Protein backbone atom coordinates (compact mmCIF):
# COMPACT_ATOMS: atom_id res chain seq x y z
CA UNK A 1 23.24 87.58 137.05
CA UNK A 2 24.43 91.12 136.58
CA UNK A 3 27.88 90.18 137.89
CA UNK A 4 28.09 87.29 135.41
CA UNK A 5 27.23 89.57 132.48
CA UNK A 6 29.82 92.07 133.65
CA UNK A 7 32.40 89.28 133.87
CA UNK A 8 31.60 88.10 130.34
CA UNK A 9 31.71 91.68 129.04
CA UNK A 10 35.09 92.18 130.68
CA UNK A 11 36.44 88.98 129.08
CA UNK A 12 35.13 90.00 125.66
CA UNK A 13 36.79 93.43 126.01
CA UNK A 14 40.06 91.75 126.96
CA UNK A 15 39.89 89.47 123.94
CA UNK A 16 39.20 92.43 121.67
CA UNK A 17 42.17 94.32 123.16
CA UNK A 18 44.47 91.34 122.68
CA UNK A 19 43.25 90.94 119.11
CA UNK A 20 43.98 94.61 118.41
CA UNK A 21 47.47 94.24 119.85
CA UNK A 22 48.11 91.17 117.67
CA UNK A 23 46.93 93.02 114.57
CA UNK A 24 49.16 95.99 115.44
CA UNK A 25 52.11 93.64 115.93
CA UNK A 26 51.39 91.95 112.60
CA UNK A 27 51.21 95.30 110.81
CA UNK A 28 54.50 96.43 112.42
CA UNK A 29 56.22 93.19 111.41
CA UNK A 30 54.92 93.54 107.85
CA UNK A 31 56.28 97.11 107.64
CA UNK A 32 59.68 95.96 108.90
CA UNK A 33 59.80 93.20 106.28
CA UNK A 34 58.85 95.67 103.51
CA UNK A 35 61.63 98.01 104.65
CA UNK A 36 64.19 95.21 104.64
CA UNK A 37 63.06 94.16 101.16
CA UNK A 38 63.50 97.71 99.85
CA UNK A 39 67.01 97.85 101.34
CA UNK A 40 67.89 94.53 99.68
CA UNK A 41 66.60 95.76 96.31
CA UNK A 42 68.62 98.99 96.64
CA UNK A 43 71.77 97.04 97.48
CA UNK A 44 71.19 94.79 94.48
CA UNK A 45 70.85 97.76 92.14
CA UNK A 46 74.08 99.27 93.50
CA UNK A 47 75.89 95.96 93.05
CA UNK A 48 74.72 95.66 89.44
CA UNK A 49 75.79 99.26 88.77
CA UNK A 50 79.24 98.62 90.24
CA UNK A 51 79.60 95.43 88.19
CA UNK A 52 78.65 97.27 85.02
CA UNK A 53 81.27 99.93 85.69
CA UNK A 54 83.95 97.27 86.12
CA UNK A 55 83.00 95.37 82.98
CA UNK A 56 85.41 95.67 80.06
CA UNK A 57 84.06 97.58 77.08
CA UNK A 58 84.08 96.46 73.52
CA UNK A 59 87.61 96.21 72.20
CA UNK A 60 89.14 98.12 69.35
CA UNK A 61 88.22 95.43 66.82
CA UNK A 62 86.35 92.17 66.61
CA UNK A 63 82.82 93.26 67.54
CA UNK A 64 79.80 94.49 65.65
CA UNK A 65 79.70 97.74 67.63
CA UNK A 66 83.15 98.73 66.38
CA UNK A 67 82.81 97.48 62.83
CA UNK A 68 83.68 100.96 61.59
CA UNK A 69 87.16 100.64 63.08
CA UNK A 70 89.71 99.25 60.58
CA UNK A 71 91.11 95.78 61.27
CA UNK A 72 94.39 95.44 63.09
CA UNK A 73 97.32 93.20 62.29
CA UNK A 74 97.59 90.26 64.67
CA UNK A 75 101.11 89.13 65.44
CA UNK A 76 102.32 86.00 67.21
CA UNK A 77 103.93 86.13 70.63
CA UNK A 78 107.17 84.76 69.20
CA UNK A 79 107.68 87.96 67.20
CA UNK A 80 107.71 90.11 70.31
CA UNK A 81 111.08 91.24 71.60
CA UNK A 82 112.76 90.13 74.83
CA UNK A 83 113.01 86.82 76.58
CA UNK A 84 111.33 85.38 79.64
CA UNK A 85 112.47 82.64 82.00
CA UNK A 86 110.56 80.37 84.31
CA UNK A 87 107.76 82.23 86.14
CA UNK A 88 107.83 82.27 89.96
CA UNK A 89 105.19 80.56 92.00
CA UNK A 90 101.88 82.30 91.51
CA UNK A 91 101.00 84.64 94.33
CA UNK A 92 97.94 86.87 94.70
CA UNK A 93 98.58 90.42 93.61
CA UNK A 94 98.26 92.89 96.43
CA UNK A 95 97.82 96.61 96.11
CA UNK A 96 100.83 98.43 97.53
CA UNK A 97 100.93 101.76 99.24
CA UNK A 98 102.01 104.77 97.23
CA UNK A 99 105.76 104.75 96.82
CA UNK A 100 108.22 107.41 95.79
CA UNK A 101 109.76 105.12 93.18
CA UNK A 102 113.40 104.27 92.58
CA UNK A 103 116.06 106.79 93.55
CA UNK A 104 114.03 109.78 92.42
CA UNK A 105 114.92 113.33 93.28
CA UNK A 106 112.51 114.86 95.76
CA UNK A 107 112.60 118.09 93.72
CA UNK A 108 111.29 116.43 90.57
CA UNK A 109 107.85 117.70 89.50
CA UNK A 110 105.87 114.60 88.54
CA UNK A 111 102.89 116.74 87.55
CA UNK A 112 104.69 117.77 84.34
CA UNK A 113 105.83 115.72 81.34
CA UNK A 114 109.43 114.54 81.25
CA UNK A 115 111.50 117.40 79.76
CA UNK A 116 113.82 116.99 76.82
CA UNK A 117 117.11 115.30 77.69
CA UNK A 118 120.29 114.19 75.98
CA UNK A 119 119.30 111.45 73.52
CA UNK A 120 120.08 107.88 74.50
CA UNK A 121 120.84 105.08 72.06
CA UNK A 122 118.90 101.87 71.55
CA UNK A 123 120.88 100.10 74.27
CA UNK A 124 118.93 102.14 76.83
CA UNK A 125 115.98 99.83 76.16
CA UNK A 126 117.87 96.58 76.77
CA UNK A 127 116.18 96.25 80.16
CA UNK A 128 112.90 97.92 79.18
CA UNK A 129 109.43 96.39 78.93
CA UNK A 130 106.75 97.95 76.74
CA UNK A 131 103.14 97.25 77.78
CA UNK A 132 100.43 98.26 75.35
CA UNK A 133 97.88 97.43 72.69
CA UNK A 134 98.22 97.17 68.90
CA UNK A 135 99.86 100.59 68.65
CA UNK A 136 102.73 99.35 70.80
CA UNK A 137 102.92 96.27 68.57
CA UNK A 138 103.44 98.72 65.72
CA UNK A 139 106.33 100.37 67.57
CA UNK A 140 108.06 96.98 67.72
CA UNK A 141 107.32 96.01 64.12
CA UNK A 142 108.31 99.35 62.58
CA UNK A 143 111.41 100.31 64.55
CA UNK A 144 113.30 97.03 65.00
CA UNK A 145 113.55 97.60 68.75
CA UNK A 146 114.09 93.88 69.33
CA UNK A 147 116.36 94.33 72.35
CA UNK A 148 113.40 95.43 74.47
CA UNK A 149 110.64 93.16 75.78
CA UNK A 150 107.21 93.85 74.32
CA UNK A 151 104.14 92.68 76.23
CA UNK A 152 101.73 94.16 73.71
CA UNK A 153 98.63 92.75 72.10
CA UNK A 154 95.68 93.93 70.05
CA UNK A 155 92.87 95.21 72.27
CA UNK A 156 94.83 94.98 75.54
CA UNK A 157 93.39 97.11 78.34
CA UNK A 158 94.23 98.13 81.89
CA UNK A 159 92.04 95.41 83.36
CA UNK A 160 92.87 92.57 80.98
CA UNK A 161 96.60 92.90 81.71
CA UNK A 162 95.73 90.85 84.80
CA UNK A 163 93.43 88.31 83.18
CA UNK A 164 94.06 87.60 79.48
CA UNK A 165 96.49 84.69 78.85
CA UNK A 166 98.35 86.07 75.83
CA UNK A 167 102.07 85.41 76.18
CA UNK A 168 104.10 82.21 76.19
CA UNK A 169 106.18 81.66 79.31
CA UNK A 170 107.76 78.24 79.74
CA UNK A 171 105.21 76.72 77.37
CA UNK A 172 102.20 78.22 79.11
CA UNK A 173 100.00 81.15 78.09
CA UNK A 174 99.98 83.77 80.82
CA UNK A 175 98.79 87.33 81.41
CA UNK A 176 100.93 90.46 81.11
CA UNK A 177 101.46 90.62 84.86
CA UNK A 178 102.49 86.97 85.11
CA UNK A 179 104.83 87.37 82.13
CA UNK A 180 106.34 90.43 83.81
CA UNK A 181 107.14 88.34 86.89
CA UNK A 182 109.33 86.17 84.68
CA UNK A 183 111.12 89.07 82.98
CA UNK A 184 114.34 90.86 83.90
CA UNK A 185 113.66 94.59 83.64
CA UNK A 186 114.38 97.95 85.22
CA UNK A 187 112.20 100.22 83.04
CA UNK A 188 108.53 99.93 82.03
CA UNK A 189 106.77 101.97 79.34
CA UNK A 190 102.96 101.81 79.43
CA UNK A 191 100.60 103.00 76.72
CA UNK A 192 97.02 101.88 77.28
CA UNK A 193 93.70 103.66 77.07
CA UNK A 194 92.42 104.06 73.51
CA UNK A 195 90.17 101.00 73.87
CA UNK A 196 89.07 102.16 77.32
CA UNK A 197 87.70 105.45 75.96
CA UNK A 198 84.50 103.47 75.42
CA UNK A 199 84.13 102.83 79.16
CA UNK A 200 81.22 104.48 80.92
CA UNK A 201 83.28 105.66 83.90
CA UNK A 202 86.67 107.32 83.53
CA UNK A 203 87.21 106.82 87.28
CA UNK A 204 87.32 103.06 86.73
CA UNK A 205 89.98 103.53 84.03
CA UNK A 206 92.16 105.55 86.42
CA UNK A 207 91.61 103.06 89.23
CA UNK A 208 92.63 100.09 87.08
CA UNK A 209 95.63 101.98 85.68
CA UNK A 210 96.72 102.71 89.24
CA UNK A 211 96.38 99.04 90.14
CA UNK A 212 98.65 98.17 87.21
CA UNK A 213 101.31 100.58 88.46
CA UNK A 214 101.04 99.12 91.96
CA UNK A 215 101.37 95.59 90.60
CA UNK A 216 104.51 96.49 88.60
CA UNK A 217 106.07 98.08 91.68
CA UNK A 218 105.27 94.98 93.69
CA UNK A 219 107.20 92.90 91.16
CA UNK A 220 110.14 95.33 90.95
CA UNK A 221 110.07 98.27 93.37
CA UNK A 222 113.22 99.74 91.80
CA UNK A 223 111.90 99.90 88.23
CA UNK A 224 111.51 103.27 86.49
CA UNK A 225 107.91 103.62 85.28
CA UNK A 226 106.81 105.75 82.34
CA UNK A 227 103.16 106.53 81.59
CA UNK A 228 102.88 107.43 77.92
CA UNK A 229 100.08 109.77 76.91
CA UNK A 230 97.48 108.17 74.64
CA UNK A 231 98.20 109.33 71.12
CA UNK A 232 95.31 110.99 69.25
CA UNK A 233 93.55 109.60 66.20
CA UNK A 234 92.93 111.37 62.91
CA UNK A 235 90.13 113.89 62.75
CA UNK A 236 88.27 111.59 60.34
CA UNK A 237 88.27 108.76 62.89
CA UNK A 238 87.40 111.12 65.74
CA UNK A 239 84.40 112.44 63.80
CA UNK A 240 83.10 109.03 62.71
CA UNK A 241 84.02 106.43 65.33
CA UNK A 242 81.39 105.35 67.83
CA UNK A 243 83.52 106.08 70.91
CA UNK A 244 87.16 106.81 70.00
CA UNK A 245 87.16 110.61 70.13
CA UNK A 246 90.09 112.98 70.47
CA UNK A 247 88.24 114.97 73.12
CA UNK A 248 87.91 111.83 75.26
CA UNK A 249 91.56 110.95 74.64
CA UNK A 250 92.56 114.44 75.82
CA UNK A 251 90.46 114.02 78.96
CA UNK A 252 92.05 110.66 79.69
CA UNK A 253 95.52 112.13 79.23
CA UNK A 254 94.77 114.83 81.80
CA UNK A 255 93.71 112.09 84.21
CA UNK A 256 96.88 110.11 83.46
CA UNK A 257 99.03 113.15 84.14
CA UNK A 258 97.32 113.50 87.51
CA UNK A 259 97.85 109.80 88.19
CA UNK A 260 101.56 110.17 87.37
CA UNK A 261 101.83 112.91 89.99
CA UNK A 262 99.92 110.85 92.55
CA UNK A 263 101.96 107.68 92.00
CA UNK A 264 105.22 109.57 91.40
CA UNK A 265 105.96 108.03 88.03
CA UNK A 266 107.17 109.70 84.85
CA UNK A 267 104.66 111.08 82.35
CA UNK A 268 105.62 111.28 78.66
CA UNK A 269 103.75 113.56 76.24
CA UNK A 270 103.79 111.06 73.40
CA UNK A 271 100.52 112.54 72.17
CA UNK A 272 102.17 115.88 71.45
CA UNK A 273 105.07 114.11 69.76
CA UNK A 274 102.88 112.88 66.89
CA UNK A 275 99.91 115.29 66.83
CA UNK A 276 99.42 117.97 64.20
CA UNK A 277 98.77 121.63 64.90
CA UNK A 278 95.08 120.91 65.44
CA UNK A 279 95.85 118.26 68.07
CA UNK A 280 94.69 115.39 65.86
CA UNK A 281 96.83 112.72 64.27
CA UNK A 282 97.76 113.88 60.76
CA UNK A 283 95.89 112.02 58.05
CA UNK A 284 99.13 110.75 56.51
CA UNK A 285 100.41 109.42 59.86
CA UNK A 286 98.16 106.35 59.83
CA UNK A 287 96.35 104.67 56.93
CA UNK A 288 93.45 103.82 59.20
CA UNK A 289 93.69 106.97 61.31
CA UNK A 290 94.83 105.00 64.38
CA UNK A 291 97.91 102.84 63.75
CA UNK A 292 101.08 104.74 62.88
CA UNK A 293 103.08 104.23 59.71
CA UNK A 294 106.80 103.50 60.01
CA UNK A 295 107.94 107.13 59.86
CA UNK A 296 105.67 108.11 62.74
CA UNK A 297 106.69 105.07 64.79
CA UNK A 298 110.27 106.24 64.33
CA UNK A 299 109.21 109.73 65.43
CA UNK A 300 107.64 108.12 68.52
CA UNK A 301 110.87 106.26 69.31
CA UNK A 302 112.96 109.39 68.76
CA UNK A 303 110.80 111.17 71.31
CA UNK A 304 111.33 108.38 73.86
CA UNK A 305 115.09 108.49 73.28
CA UNK A 306 115.14 112.24 73.86
CA UNK A 307 112.94 112.22 76.99
CA UNK A 308 114.39 109.95 79.66
CA UNK A 309 114.46 110.15 83.42
CA UNK A 310 117.68 111.22 85.12
CA UNK A 311 119.86 108.20 85.79
């Protein structure tokens, strides 16, 4: 009888031990699942943050958040200079490795703005493409530079150059990059960034600008590329606008100058060409404090003619 009781007691102890082991295993499994869930939540938060940084900000006009900005003139694509032929078969854009650019002297200091040079005439821009927003539209409208190709549009930004179908090529609306594939050019002037001053992360602006340079070089590795400094706005606009501030423009221009050195492209101090002594755009230079009047567009063009890369 005693042996039977001992046997039963031993079996009960074994069952209790197995039950404890099962509970321990269940607890361990539950902790593992909680840990995996926390990792998934963290990854989701990072993904949302990255997406937000990539998202385009509100453009210069056309939204309630920028209602204080004066309206811009919208022009049709047919009024832009230059001609485009049939676009090549669409191919995915690929980032290219940093290149030295076309026939550039190894002694050239790309960290500094292009120095003054002997002025060229308008024929210099026969094979030039201007990429920009409404300010670049103003350069076309106010200077009669119709021999150049203008891929400029109100609110254009360094990310939407790849995505917004804005220009007619062979009866189809295409993006700046696709229109560039159909163009015959050897020089590119870029002025973008005033709309992007509303972006949360300046690093994203520089990254996208760099991708634009890479894409242009992929289309024409021999092209001469000019980064134009973002021109300031009037002090009135800088003091009152929700995000367009001269301090932010100055910061972006410092980043662009660094990008020019990194990518080995030419940097033009177009901001200094139109700014007043205080660094702001003079009040009489633009009726809305942003878009230049004819005389200042001509001053802009004169600066470009007197600051060209060595040929």
